[in-house]
PDB file of N, CA and C in Angstrom:
ATOM      1  N   MET A   1     -54.399  30.268 -41.783  1.00  0.00           N
ATOM      2  CA  MET A   1     -52.860  30.970 -41.674  1.00  0.00           C
ATOM      3  C   MET A   1     -52.206  30.319 -40.511  1.00  0.00           C
ATOM      4  N   GLU A   2     -53.160  30.203 -39.463  1.00  0.00           N
ATOM      5  CA  GLU A   2     -52.134  29.687 -38.163  1.00  0.00           C
ATOM      6  C   GLU A   2     -51.564  28.395 -38.623  1.00  0.00           C
ATOM      7  N   ASP A   3     -52.328  27.565 -39.288  1.00  0.00           N
ATOM      8  CA  ASP A   3     -51.817  26.249 -39.636  1.00  0.00           C
ATOM      9  C   ASP A   3     -50.541  26.315 -40.307  1.00  0.00           C
ATOM     10  N   ARG A   4     -50.540  27.197 -41.063  1.00  0.00           N
ATOM     11  CA  ARG A   4     -49.157  27.358 -41.779  1.00  0.00           C
ATOM     12  C   ARG A   4     -47.879  27.914 -40.895  1.00  0.00           C
ATOM     13  N   PHE A   5     -48.014  28.530 -39.976  1.00  0.00           N
ATOM     14  CA  PHE A   5     -47.167  29.082 -39.020  1.00  0.00           C
ATOM     15  C   PHE A   5     -46.903  27.803 -38.238  1.00  0.00           C
ATOM     16  N   THR A   6     -47.913  26.987 -37.647  1.00  0.00           N
ATOM     17  CA  THR A   6     -47.349  26.053 -36.825  1.00  0.00           C
ATOM     18  C   THR A   6     -46.939  24.838 -37.591  1.00  0.00           C
ATOM     19  N   GLY A   7     -47.007  24.710 -38.782  1.00  0.00           N
ATOM     20  CA  GLY A   7     -45.966  23.750 -39.758  1.00  0.00           C
ATOM     21  C   GLY A   7     -44.903  24.682 -39.684  1.00  0.00           C
ATOM     22  N   VAL A   8     -44.522  25.861 -39.984  1.00  0.00           N
ATOM     23  CA  VAL A   8     -43.202  26.180 -40.127  1.00  0.00           C
ATOM     24  C   VAL A   8     -42.695  26.024 -38.734  1.00  0.00           C
ATOM     25  N   GLU A   9     -43.404  26.395 -37.486  1.00  0.00           N
ATOM     26  CA  GLU A   9     -42.561  26.258 -36.290  1.00  0.00           C
ATOM     27  C   GLU A   9     -42.270  24.867 -36.035  1.00  0.00           C
ATOM     28  N   ALA A  10     -43.087  24.035 -36.571  1.00  0.00           N
ATOM     29  CA  ALA A  10     -42.425  22.511 -36.448  1.00  0.00           C
ATOM     30  C   ALA A  10     -41.570  22.345 -37.079  1.00  0.00           C
ATOM     31  N   VAL A  11     -40.937  22.548 -38.338  1.00  0.00           N
ATOM     32  CA  VAL A  11     -40.183  22.461 -39.030  1.00  0.00           C
ATOM     33  C   VAL A  11     -38.965  23.034 -38.444  1.00  0.00           C
ATOM     34  N   SER A  12     -38.994  24.299 -38.075  1.00  0.00           N
ATOM     35  CA  SER A  12     -37.873  25.044 -37.317  1.00  0.00           C
ATOM     36  C   SER A  12     -37.379  24.321 -36.018  1.00  0.00           C
ATOM     37  N   ARG A  13     -38.339  23.816 -35.362  1.00  0.00           N
ATOM     38  CA  ARG A  13     -38.078  22.979 -34.209  1.00  0.00           C
ATOM     39  C   ARG A  13     -37.401  21.755 -34.204  1.00  0.00           C
ATOM     40  N   ARG A  14     -37.866  21.107 -35.392  1.00  0.00           N
ATOM     41  CA  ARG A  14     -37.290  20.014 -35.764  1.00  0.00           C
ATOM     42  C   ARG A  14     -35.750  20.201 -36.250  1.00  0.00           C
ATOM     43  N   ARG A  15     -35.475  21.147 -36.745  1.00  0.00           N
ATOM     44  CA  ARG A  15     -34.191  21.644 -37.305  1.00  0.00           C
ATOM     45  C   ARG A  15     -33.347  22.365 -36.717  1.00  0.00           C
ATOM     46  N   SER A  16     -34.018  22.613 -35.300  1.00  0.00           N
ATOM     47  CA  SER A  16     -33.069  23.104 -33.983  1.00  0.00           C
ATOM     48  C   SER A  16     -31.821  22.353 -33.629  1.00  0.00           C
ATOM     49  N   LEU A  17     -30.691  22.799 -33.575  1.00  0.00           N
ATOM     50  CA  LEU A  17     -29.821  21.901 -33.260  1.00  0.00           C
ATOM     51  C   LEU A  17     -29.636  21.984 -31.441  1.00  0.00           C
ATOM     52  N   GLU A  18     -30.467  22.393 -30.900  1.00  0.00           N
ATOM     53  CA  GLU A  18     -30.648  22.667 -29.221  1.00  0.00           C
ATOM     54  C   GLU A  18     -30.442  20.975 -28.683  1.00  0.00           C
ATOM     55  N   PRO A  19     -31.189  20.316 -29.052  1.00  0.00           N
ATOM     56  CA  PRO A  19     -31.119  18.689 -28.609  1.00  0.00           C
ATOM     57  C   PRO A  19     -29.815  18.323 -28.781  1.00  0.00           C
ATOM     58  N   ALA A  20     -29.073  18.336 -29.923  1.00  0.00           N
ATOM     59  CA  ALA A  20     -27.575  17.986 -29.971  1.00  0.00           C
ATOM     60  C   ALA A  20     -26.982  18.860 -29.443  1.00  0.00           C
ATOM     61  N   LEU A  21     -27.093  19.716 -28.927  1.00  0.00           N
ATOM     62  CA  LEU A  21     -26.030  20.638 -28.258  1.00  0.00           C
ATOM     63  C   LEU A  21     -25.979  20.480 -26.851  1.00  0.00           C
ATOM     64  N   GLU A  22     -27.399  20.218 -26.386  1.00  0.00           N
ATOM     65  CA  GLU A  22     -27.475  19.681 -25.109  1.00  0.00           C
ATOM     66  C   GLU A  22     -26.905  18.425 -24.770  1.00  0.00           C
ATOM     67  N   TYR A  23     -27.230  17.524 -25.491  1.00  0.00           N
ATOM     68  CA  TYR A  23     -26.350  16.065 -25.470  1.00  0.00           C
ATOM     69  C   TYR A  23     -25.084  16.046 -25.562  1.00  0.00           C
ATOM     70  N   ILE A  24     -24.282  17.079 -26.387  1.00  0.00           N
ATOM     71  CA  ILE A  24     -23.080  16.963 -26.288  1.00  0.00           C
ATOM     72  C   ILE A  24     -22.459  17.462 -24.847  1.00  0.00           C
ATOM     73  N   ARG A  25     -23.012  18.611 -24.459  1.00  0.00           N
ATOM     74  CA  ARG A  25     -22.550  19.207 -23.152  1.00  0.00           C
ATOM     75  C   ARG A  25     -22.894  18.306 -22.107  1.00  0.00           C
ATOM     76  N   ALA A  26     -23.880  17.514 -21.879  1.00  0.00           N
ATOM     77  CA  ALA A  26     -24.317  16.467 -20.902  1.00  0.00           C
ATOM     78  C   ALA A  26     -23.346  15.406 -21.222  1.00  0.00           C
ATOM     79  N   HIS A  27     -23.089  14.882 -22.270  1.00  0.00           N
ATOM     80  CA  HIS A  27     -22.197  13.614 -22.589  1.00  0.00           C
ATOM     81  C   HIS A  27     -21.222  13.955 -23.069  1.00  0.00           C
ATOM     82  N   LEU A  28     -20.481  14.732 -22.657  1.00  0.00           N
ATOM     83  CA  LEU A  28     -18.985  15.245 -23.373  1.00  0.00           C
ATOM     84  C   LEU A  28     -17.967  14.448 -23.073  1.00  0.00           C
ATOM     85  N   SER A  29     -18.016  13.505 -22.092  1.00  0.00           N
ATOM     86  CA  SER A  29     -16.938  12.509 -21.420  1.00  0.00           C
ATOM     87  C   SER A  29     -17.089  11.238 -22.069  1.00  0.00           C
ATOM     88  N   GLU A  30     -18.293  11.085 -22.833  1.00  0.00           N
ATOM     89  CA  GLU A  30     -18.555   9.993 -23.735  1.00  0.00           C
ATOM     90  C   GLU A  30     -18.163   9.829 -25.311  1.00  0.00           C
ATOM     91  N   PRO A  31     -18.160   8.649 -25.894  1.00  0.00           N
ATOM     92  CA  PRO A  31     -17.747   8.929 -27.308  1.00  0.00           C
ATOM     93  C   PRO A  31     -19.252   9.507 -28.167  1.00  0.00           C
ATOM     94  N   LEU A  32     -18.990  10.196 -29.003  1.00  0.00           N
ATOM     95  CA  LEU A  32     -20.298  10.995 -29.501  1.00  0.00           C
ATOM     96  C   LEU A  32     -20.310  10.507 -30.988  1.00  0.00           C
ATOM     97  N   ARG A  33     -21.342  10.153 -31.311  1.00  0.00           N
ATOM     98  CA  ARG A  33     -21.164   9.701 -32.709  1.00  0.00           C
ATOM     99  C   ARG A  33     -22.513  10.525 -33.268  1.00  0.00           C
ATOM    100  N   LEU A  34     -21.682  11.070 -34.586  1.00  0.00           N
ATOM    101  CA  LEU A  34     -22.341  11.996 -35.259  1.00  0.00           C
ATOM    102  C   LEU A  34     -23.982  11.469 -35.845  1.00  0.00           C
ATOM    103  N   GLU A  35     -23.995  10.298 -35.993  1.00  0.00           N
ATOM    104  CA  GLU A  35     -25.379   9.720 -36.290  1.00  0.00           C
ATOM    105  C   GLU A  35     -26.297   9.908 -35.146  1.00  0.00           C
ATOM    106  N   ALA A  36     -25.830   9.614 -34.037  1.00  0.00           N
ATOM    107  CA  ALA A  36     -26.987   9.722 -33.069  1.00  0.00           C
ATOM    108  C   ALA A  36     -27.260  11.167 -32.522  1.00  0.00           C
ATOM    109  N   LEU A  37     -26.189  12.018 -33.033  1.00  0.00           N
ATOM    110  CA  LEU A  37     -26.416  13.638 -32.775  1.00  0.00           C
ATOM    111  C   LEU A  37     -27.365  14.036 -33.960  1.00  0.00           C
ATOM    112  N   ALA A  38     -27.253  13.513 -35.172  1.00  0.00           N
ATOM    113  CA  ALA A  38     -28.261  13.752 -36.094  1.00  0.00           C
ATOM    114  C   ALA A  38     -29.696  13.557 -36.051  1.00  0.00           C
ATOM    115  N   ALA A  39     -29.695  12.229 -35.246  1.00  0.00           N
ATOM    116  CA  ALA A  39     -30.837  11.612 -34.880  1.00  0.00           C
ATOM    117  C   ALA A  39     -31.941  12.360 -34.092  1.00  0.00           C
ATOM    118  N   LEU A  40     -31.004  12.997 -32.750  1.00  0.00           N
ATOM    119  CA  LEU A  40     -31.502  13.956 -32.318  1.00  0.00           C
ATOM    120  C   LEU A  40     -32.396  15.402 -32.625  1.00  0.00           C
ATOM    121  N   CYS A  41     -31.742  15.538 -33.746  1.00  0.00           N
ATOM    122  CA  CYS A  41     -32.544  16.457 -34.545  1.00  0.00           C
ATOM    123  C   CYS A  41     -33.270  16.388 -35.876  1.00  0.00           C
ATOM    124  N   ASP A  42     -33.360  14.973 -35.904  1.00  0.00           N
ATOM    125  CA  ASP A  42     -34.403  14.475 -37.101  1.00  0.00           C
ATOM    126  C   ASP A  42     -33.708  14.889 -38.281  1.00  0.00           C
ATOM    127  N   LEU A  43     -32.523  14.776 -38.490  1.00  0.00           N
ATOM    128  CA  LEU A  43     -31.787  15.166 -39.661  1.00  0.00           C
ATOM    129  C   LEU A  43     -31.119  13.918 -40.126  1.00  0.00           C
ATOM    130  N   SER A  44     -30.699  13.858 -41.568  1.00  0.00           N
ATOM    131  CA  SER A  44     -29.751  13.058 -42.001  1.00  0.00           C
ATOM    132  C   SER A  44     -28.384  13.356 -41.430  1.00  0.00           C
ATOM    133  N   LEU A  45     -27.683  12.487 -41.664  1.00  0.00           N
ATOM    134  CA  LEU A  45     -26.316  12.663 -41.026  1.00  0.00           C
ATOM    135  C   LEU A  45     -25.487  14.221 -42.008  1.00  0.00           C
ATOM    136  N   TRP A  46     -25.797  13.951 -43.263  1.00  0.00           N
ATOM    137  CA  TRP A  46     -25.120  14.941 -43.996  1.00  0.00           C
ATOM    138  C   TRP A  46     -25.846  16.220 -43.803  1.00  0.00           C
ATOM    139  N   ARG A  47     -26.992  16.453 -43.720  1.00  0.00           N
ATOM    140  CA  ARG A  47     -27.815  17.536 -43.514  1.00  0.00           C
ATOM    141  C   ARG A  47     -27.394  18.208 -42.228  1.00  0.00           C
ATOM    142  N   PHE A  48     -27.428  17.288 -41.295  1.00  0.00           N
ATOM    143  CA  PHE A  48     -27.268  17.579 -39.774  1.00  0.00           C
ATOM    144  C   PHE A  48     -25.442  18.366 -39.891  1.00  0.00           C
ATOM    145  N   ALA A  49     -24.565  17.793 -40.587  1.00  0.00           N
ATOM    146  CA  ALA A  49     -23.057  18.459 -40.493  1.00  0.00           C
ATOM    147  C   ALA A  49     -23.422  19.849 -41.451  1.00  0.00           C
ATOM    148  N   ARG A  50     -23.993  20.010 -42.126  1.00  0.00           N
ATOM    149  CA  ARG A  50     -23.948  20.941 -43.311  1.00  0.00           C
ATOM    150  C   ARG A  50     -24.601  22.262 -42.072  1.00  0.00           C
ATOM    151  N   VAL A  51     -26.040  21.907 -41.602  1.00  0.00           N
ATOM    152  CA  VAL A  51     -26.588  22.727 -40.818  1.00  0.00           C
ATOM    153  C   VAL A  51     -25.760  23.231 -39.639  1.00  0.00           C
ATOM    154  N   PHE A  52     -25.133  22.111 -38.976  1.00  0.00           N
ATOM    155  CA  PHE A  52     -24.339  22.511 -37.977  1.00  0.00           C
ATOM    156  C   PHE A  52     -23.430  23.484 -38.064  1.00  0.00           C
ATOM    157  N   ARG A  53     -22.331  23.114 -39.320  1.00  0.00           N
ATOM    158  CA  ARG A  53     -21.274  24.091 -39.686  1.00  0.00           C
ATOM    159  C   ARG A  53     -21.819  25.518 -39.910  1.00  0.00           C
ATOM    160  N   GLU A  54     -23.216  25.732 -40.603  1.00  0.00           N
ATOM    161  CA  GLU A  54     -23.811  26.958 -41.114  1.00  0.00           C
ATOM    162  C   GLU A  54     -23.946  27.588 -39.729  1.00  0.00           C
ATOM    163  N   ARG A  55     -24.819  26.972 -38.667  1.00  0.00           N
ATOM    164  CA  ARG A  55     -25.249  27.847 -37.535  1.00  0.00           C
ATOM    165  C   ARG A  55     -24.138  28.025 -36.314  1.00  0.00           C
ATOM    166  N   VAL A  56     -23.467  26.882 -36.161  1.00  0.00           N
ATOM    167  CA  VAL A  56     -22.215  26.859 -35.130  1.00  0.00           C
ATOM    168  C   VAL A  56     -21.126  27.674 -35.664  1.00  0.00           C
ATOM    169  N   GLY A  57     -20.963  27.512 -36.935  1.00  0.00           N
ATOM    170  CA  GLY A  57     -19.604  27.999 -37.429  1.00  0.00           C
ATOM    171  C   GLY A  57     -18.240  27.184 -37.936  1.00  0.00           C
ATOM    172  N   VAL A  58     -18.546  25.838 -36.949  1.00  0.00           N
ATOM    173  CA  VAL A  58     -17.297  24.717 -37.015  1.00  0.00           C
ATOM    174  C   VAL A  58     -18.047  23.678 -37.546  1.00  0.00           C
ATOM    175  N   SER A  59     -17.144  22.536 -37.701  1.00  0.00           N
ATOM    176  CA  SER A  59     -17.935  21.155 -37.871  1.00  0.00           C
ATOM    177  C   SER A  59     -18.346  20.758 -36.418  1.00  0.00           C
ATOM    178  N   PRO A  60     -19.101  19.798 -36.208  1.00  0.00           N
ATOM    179  CA  PRO A  60     -19.392  18.788 -34.916  1.00  0.00           C
ATOM    180  C   PRO A  60     -18.330  18.631 -34.330  1.00  0.00           C
ATOM    181  N   GLY A  61     -17.201  17.708 -35.070  1.00  0.00           N
ATOM    182  CA  GLY A  61     -16.061  17.195 -34.263  1.00  0.00           C
ATOM    183  C   GLY A  61     -15.380  18.249 -33.849  1.00  0.00           C
ATOM    184  N   ARG A  62     -14.820  19.453 -34.545  1.00  0.00           N
ATOM    185  CA  ARG A  62     -14.101  20.571 -34.026  1.00  0.00           C
ATOM    186  C   ARG A  62     -14.715  21.158 -32.900  1.00  0.00           C
ATOM    187  N   TYR A  63     -16.269  21.295 -32.787  1.00  0.00           N
ATOM    188  CA  TYR A  63     -17.081  22.040 -31.802  1.00  0.00           C
ATOM    189  C   TYR A  63     -16.600  21.007 -30.484  1.00  0.00           C
ATOM    190  N   VAL A  64     -17.017  19.866 -30.644  1.00  0.00           N
ATOM    191  CA  VAL A  64     -16.627  18.744 -29.526  1.00  0.00           C
ATOM    192  C   VAL A  64     -15.340  18.897 -29.048  1.00  0.00           C
ATOM    193  N   ASN A  65     -14.437  18.735 -29.801  1.00  0.00           N
ATOM    194  CA  ASN A  65     -12.797  18.720 -29.259  1.00  0.00           C
ATOM    195  C   ASN A  65     -12.666  20.079 -28.826  1.00  0.00           C
ATOM    196  N   ALA A  66     -13.100  21.317 -29.132  1.00  0.00           N
ATOM    197  CA  ALA A  66     -13.179  22.554 -28.303  1.00  0.00           C
ATOM    198  C   ALA A  66     -13.523  22.815 -26.935  1.00  0.00           C
ATOM    199  N   LEU A  67     -15.004  22.000 -26.691  1.00  0.00           N
ATOM    200  CA  LEU A  67     -15.587  22.135 -25.695  1.00  0.00           C
ATOM    201  C   LEU A  67     -14.558  21.138 -24.733  1.00  0.00           C
ATOM    202  N   ARG A  68     -14.162  20.088 -25.053  1.00  0.00           N
ATOM    203  CA  ARG A  68     -13.365  19.051 -24.395  1.00  0.00           C
ATOM    204  C   ARG A  68     -11.952  19.806 -24.155  1.00  0.00           C
ATOM    205  N   ILE A  69     -11.417  20.479 -25.000  1.00  0.00           N
ATOM    206  CA  ILE A  69     -10.111  21.119 -24.350  1.00  0.00           C
ATOM    207  C   ILE A  69     -10.343  22.340 -23.619  1.00  0.00           C
ATOM    208  N   GLN A  70     -11.543  23.005 -23.566  1.00  0.00           N
ATOM    209  CA  GLN A  70     -12.020  24.059 -22.780  1.00  0.00           C
ATOM    210  C   GLN A  70     -12.218  23.558 -21.325  1.00  0.00           C
ATOM    211  N   HIS A  71     -13.015  22.379 -21.078  1.00  0.00           N
ATOM    212  CA  HIS A  71     -12.952  21.629 -19.819  1.00  0.00           C
ATOM    213  C   HIS A  71     -11.713  21.032 -19.294  1.00  0.00           C
ATOM    214  N   ALA A  72     -10.849  20.643 -20.068  1.00  0.00           N
ATOM    215  CA  ALA A  72      -9.341  20.225 -19.526  1.00  0.00           C
ATOM    216  C   ALA A  72      -8.732  21.212 -19.224  1.00  0.00           C
ATOM    217  N   GLN A  73      -9.101  22.383 -19.767  1.00  0.00           N
ATOM    218  CA  GLN A  73      -8.391  23.529 -19.112  1.00  0.00           C
ATOM    219  C   GLN A  73      -8.688  23.846 -17.868  1.00  0.00           C
ATOM    220  N   LYS A  74      -9.862  23.920 -17.553  1.00  0.00           N
ATOM    221  CA  LYS A  74     -10.475  23.952 -16.287  1.00  0.00           C
ATOM    222  C   LYS A  74      -9.797  23.160 -15.255  1.00  0.00           C
ATOM    223  N   LEU A  75      -9.923  21.687 -15.722  1.00  0.00           N
ATOM    224  CA  LEU A  75      -9.462  20.860 -14.816  1.00  0.00           C
ATOM    225  C   LEU A  75      -8.005  20.995 -14.385  1.00  0.00           C
ATOM    226  N   LEU A  76      -7.343  21.169 -15.759  1.00  0.00           N
ATOM    227  CA  LEU A  76      -5.585  21.311 -15.204  1.00  0.00           C
ATOM    228  C   LEU A  76      -5.468  22.557 -14.506  1.00  0.00           C
ATOM    229  N   SER A  77      -6.159  23.641 -14.641  1.00  0.00           N
ATOM    230  CA  SER A  77      -5.997  24.840 -14.005  1.00  0.00           C
ATOM    231  C   SER A  77      -6.153  24.260 -12.249  1.00  0.00           C
ATOM    232  N   GLN A  78      -6.952  23.592 -11.921  1.00  0.00           N
ATOM    233  CA  GLN A  78      -7.401  23.305 -10.795  1.00  0.00           C
ATOM    234  C   GLN A  78      -6.287  22.193 -10.061  1.00  0.00           C
ATOM    235  N   GLY A  79      -5.324  21.545 -10.919  1.00  0.00           N
ATOM    236  CA  GLY A  79      -4.338  20.884 -10.652  1.00  0.00           C
ATOM    237  C   GLY A  79      -4.528  19.352 -10.932  1.00  0.00           C
ATOM    238  N   VAL A  80      -5.427  19.025 -11.573  1.00  0.00           N
ATOM    239  CA  VAL A  80      -5.888  17.822 -11.739  1.00  0.00           C
ATOM    240  C   VAL A  80      -4.889  17.336 -12.927  1.00  0.00           C
ATOM    241  N   PRO A  81      -4.512  16.035 -12.534  1.00  0.00           N
ATOM    242  CA  PRO A  81      -3.237  15.548 -13.593  1.00  0.00           C
ATOM    243  C   PRO A  81      -3.861  15.033 -14.920  1.00  0.00           C
ATOM    244  N   ALA A  82      -3.125  15.470 -15.971  1.00  0.00           N
ATOM    245  CA  ALA A  82      -3.448  15.298 -17.416  1.00  0.00           C
ATOM    246  C   ALA A  82      -3.961  14.068 -17.677  1.00  0.00           C
ATOM    247  N   ALA A  83      -3.441  12.997 -17.250  1.00  0.00           N
ATOM    248  CA  ALA A  83      -4.120  11.743 -17.455  1.00  0.00           C
ATOM    249  C   ALA A  83      -5.641  11.459 -16.983  1.00  0.00           C
ATOM    250  N   ARG A  84      -5.746  12.051 -15.823  1.00  0.00           N
ATOM    251  CA  ARG A  84      -7.295  12.135 -15.280  1.00  0.00           C
ATOM    252  C   ARG A  84      -7.981  13.113 -15.998  1.00  0.00           C
ATOM    253  N   ALA A  85      -7.835  14.504 -16.540  1.00  0.00           N
ATOM    254  CA  ALA A  85      -8.148  15.238 -17.050  1.00  0.00           C
ATOM    255  C   ALA A  85      -8.744  14.569 -18.388  1.00  0.00           C
ATOM    256  N   ALA A  86      -7.903  14.046 -19.022  1.00  0.00           N
ATOM    257  CA  ALA A  86      -7.888  13.255 -20.426  1.00  0.00           C
ATOM    258  C   ALA A  86      -9.387  12.297 -20.334  1.00  0.00           C
ATOM    259  N   SER A  87      -9.425  11.644 -19.307  1.00  0.00           N
ATOM    260  CA  SER A  87     -10.464  10.614 -19.108  1.00  0.00           C
ATOM    261  C   SER A  87     -11.810  11.315 -18.797  1.00  0.00           C
ATOM    262  N   GLU A  88     -12.076  12.204 -18.054  1.00  0.00           N
ATOM    263  CA  GLU A  88     -12.781  13.033 -17.621  1.00  0.00           C
ATOM    264  C   GLU A  88     -13.571  13.792 -18.608  1.00  0.00           C
ATOM    265  N   VAL A  89     -12.716  14.264 -19.984  1.00  0.00           N
ATOM    266  CA  VAL A  89     -13.333  15.118 -20.821  1.00  0.00           C
ATOM    267  C   VAL A  89     -13.791  14.580 -22.253  1.00  0.00           C
ATOM    268  N   GLY A  90     -12.882  13.049 -22.194  1.00  0.00           N
ATOM    269  CA  GLY A  90     -13.772  12.316 -23.382  1.00  0.00           C
ATOM    270  C   GLY A  90     -12.773  11.833 -24.202  1.00  0.00           C
ATOM    271  N   PHE A  91     -11.345  12.526 -23.905  1.00  0.00           N
ATOM    272  CA  PHE A  91     -10.163  11.528 -24.739  1.00  0.00           C
ATOM    273  C   PHE A  91      -9.998  10.409 -24.371  1.00  0.00           C
ATOM    274  N   TYR A  92      -9.133   9.758 -25.504  1.00  0.00           N
ATOM    275  CA  TYR A  92      -9.133   8.113 -25.224  1.00  0.00           C
ATOM    276  C   TYR A  92      -7.951   7.767 -24.200  1.00  0.00           C
ATOM    277  N   ASP A  93      -6.861   8.745 -24.212  1.00  0.00           N
ATOM    278  CA  ASP A  93      -5.873   8.797 -23.290  1.00  0.00           C
ATOM    279  C   ASP A  93      -4.960   9.901 -23.130  1.00  0.00           C
ATOM    280  N   GLN A  94      -4.091  10.055 -22.303  1.00  0.00           N
ATOM    281  CA  GLN A  94      -3.302  11.467 -21.853  1.00  0.00           C
ATOM    282  C   GLN A  94      -2.605  11.771 -23.278  1.00  0.00           C
ATOM    283  N   SER A  95      -2.167  10.877 -24.203  1.00  0.00           N
ATOM    284  CA  SER A  95      -1.235  11.161 -25.377  1.00  0.00           C
ATOM    285  C   SER A  95      -2.514  11.806 -26.417  1.00  0.00           C
ATOM    286  N   HIS A  96      -3.383  11.077 -26.165  1.00  0.00           N
ATOM    287  CA  HIS A  96      -4.717  11.978 -27.450  1.00  0.00           C
ATOM    288  C   HIS A  96      -5.051  13.455 -26.891  1.00  0.00           C
ATOM    289  N   LEU A  97      -5.302  13.571 -25.410  1.00  0.00           N
ATOM    290  CA  LEU A  97      -5.108  14.986 -24.918  1.00  0.00           C
ATOM    291  C   LEU A  97      -3.921  15.920 -25.319  1.00  0.00           C
ATOM    292  N   ASN A  98      -2.931  15.424 -24.790  1.00  0.00           N
ATOM    293  CA  ASN A  98      -1.821  15.984 -25.757  1.00  0.00           C
ATOM    294  C   ASN A  98      -1.622  16.511 -26.854  1.00  0.00           C
ATOM    295  N   ARG A  99      -1.872  15.659 -27.682  1.00  0.00           N
ATOM    296  CA  ARG A  99      -1.873  15.923 -29.499  1.00  0.00           C
ATOM    297  C   ARG A  99      -2.999  17.437 -29.732  1.00  0.00           C
ATOM    298  N   ARG A 100      -3.974  17.068 -29.254  1.00  0.00           N
ATOM    299  CA  ARG A 100      -5.310  17.775 -29.382  1.00  0.00           C
ATOM    300  C   ARG A 100      -4.980  18.995 -28.821  1.00  0.00           C
ATOM    301  N   PHE A 101      -4.453  19.037 -27.350  1.00  0.00           N
ATOM    302  CA  PHE A 101      -4.369  20.449 -26.788  1.00  0.00           C
ATOM    303  C   PHE A 101      -3.256  21.240 -27.243  1.00  0.00           C
ATOM    304  N   LYS A 102      -2.103  20.507 -27.834  1.00  0.00           N
ATOM    305  CA  LYS A 102      -1.122  21.089 -28.331  1.00  0.00           C
ATOM    306  C   LYS A 102      -1.401  21.921 -29.479  1.00  0.00           C
ATOM    307  N   ARG A 103      -2.384  21.081 -30.521  1.00  0.00           N
ATOM    308  CA  ARG A 103      -2.803  21.619 -31.710  1.00  0.00           C
ATOM    309  C   ARG A 103      -3.773  22.928 -31.355  1.00  0.00           C
ATOM    310  N   GLU A 104      -4.680  22.804 -30.561  1.00  0.00           N
ATOM    311  CA  GLU A 104      -5.368  23.928 -30.184  1.00  0.00           C
ATOM    312  C   GLU A 104      -4.629  24.877 -29.393  1.00  0.00           C
ATOM    313  N   CYS A 105      -3.965  24.598 -28.524  1.00  0.00           N
ATOM    314  CA  CYS A 105      -3.768  25.809 -27.664  1.00  0.00           C
ATOM    315  C   CYS A 105      -2.306  26.323 -27.862  1.00  0.00           C
ATOM    316  N   GLY A 106      -1.335  25.427 -28.585  1.00  0.00           N
ATOM    317  CA  GLY A 106       0.141  25.801 -28.660  1.00  0.00           C
ATOM    318  C   GLY A 106       1.131  25.297 -27.624  1.00  0.00           C
ATOM    319  N   MET A 107       0.551  24.593 -26.591  1.00  0.00           N
ATOM    320  CA  MET A 107       1.467  23.981 -25.775  1.00  0.00           C
ATOM    321  C   MET A 107       0.729  22.703 -25.230  1.00  0.00           C
ATOM    322  N   THR A 108       1.758  22.102 -24.375  1.00  0.00           N
ATOM    323  CA  THR A 108       1.037  20.749 -23.801  1.00  0.00           C
ATOM    324  C   THR A 108       0.339  21.008 -22.754  1.00  0.00           C
ATOM    325  N   PRO A 109      -0.418  20.006 -22.209  1.00  0.00           N
ATOM    326  CA  PRO A 109      -1.098  20.005 -20.808  1.00  0.00           C
ATOM    327  C   PRO A 109      -0.328  20.734 -19.699  1.00  0.00           C
ATOM    328  N   ARG A 110       1.032  19.876 -19.752  1.00  0.00           N
ATOM    329  CA  ARG A 110       2.030  20.264 -18.535  1.00  0.00           C
ATOM    330  C   ARG A 110       2.507  21.600 -18.654  1.00  0.00           C
ATOM    331  N   GLU A 111       2.403  22.023 -19.480  1.00  0.00           N
ATOM    332  CA  GLU A 111       3.082  23.458 -20.175  1.00  0.00           C
ATOM    333  C   GLU A 111       2.054  24.497 -20.054  1.00  0.00           C
ATOM    334  N   TYR A 112       0.652  24.078 -19.895  1.00  0.00           N
ATOM    335  CA  TYR A 112      -0.178  24.798 -19.428  1.00  0.00           C
ATOM    336  C   TYR A 112      -0.526  25.020 -18.232  1.00  0.00           C
ATOM    337  N   GLN A 113      -0.249  23.808 -17.627  1.00  0.00           N
ATOM    338  CA  GLN A 113      -0.325  23.773 -15.934  1.00  0.00           C
ATOM    339  C   GLN A 113       0.800  24.699 -14.991  1.00  0.00           C
ATOM    340  N   GLN A 114       1.915  24.782 -15.945  1.00  0.00           N
ATOM    341  CA  GLN A 114       2.850  25.143 -15.288  1.00  0.00           C
ATOM    342  C   GLN A 114       2.816  26.989 -15.818  1.00  0.00           C
ATOM    343  N   SER A 115       2.241  27.340 -16.531  1.00  0.00           N
ATOM    344  CA  SER A 115       2.019  28.866 -16.868  1.00  0.00           C
ATOM    345  C   SER A 115       0.859  29.015 -16.021  1.00  0.00           C
ATOM    346  N   ARG A 116       0.116  28.271 -15.625  1.00  0.00           N
ATOM    347  CA  ARG A 116      -1.207  28.820 -14.961  1.00  0.00           C
ATOM    348  C   ARG A 116      -0.578  28.595 -13.558  1.00  0.00           C
ATOM    349  N   SER A 117       0.148  28.023 -13.111  1.00  0.00           N
ATOM    350  CA  SER A 117       0.768  28.108 -11.518  1.00  0.00           C
ATOM    351  C   SER A 117       1.963  29.180 -11.557  1.00  0.00           C
ATOM    352  N   ALA A 118       2.771  29.543 -12.393  1.00  0.00           N
ATOM    353  CA  ALA A 118       3.413  30.682 -12.500  1.00  0.00           C
ATOM    354  C   ALA A 118       2.808  32.007 -12.465  1.00  0.00           C
ATOM    355  N   ALA A 119       1.410  32.236 -12.989  1.00  0.00           N
ATOM    356  CA  ALA A 119       0.580  33.424 -12.898  1.00  0.00           C
ATOM    357  C   ALA A 119       0.102  33.837 -11.673  1.00  0.00           C
ATOM    358  N   CYS A 120      -0.192  32.757 -10.881  1.00  0.00           N
ATOM    359  CA  CYS A 120      -0.718  32.784  -9.766  1.00  0.00           C
ATOM    360  C   CYS A 120       0.166  33.421  -8.268  1.00  0.00           C
TER     361      CYS A 120
END
């Protein structure tokens, strides 16, 4: 009976998303390949994407984008220029940040900074 639980625990650990989530948080400013994240969890690309969506509630791409936007918001709130924030959080350039930020937040990074400075 104990072997049976050990086997279930091993499968559970293997299918855990924690290695990928830790890797995403640690390497947010770098390009993140779905294949590499899936390999960290010992899952096929398609299985990883499906399990990720089921457990996290969004696709891996949307999850990474949301984390990058949150990090950019913190930097912008501290007065960091948008171009520098873009490179620090893993966007290709300021234009890429602007498009994603506006889609997610409904305003540009500059408008966000202005609204934060007006609130203080």
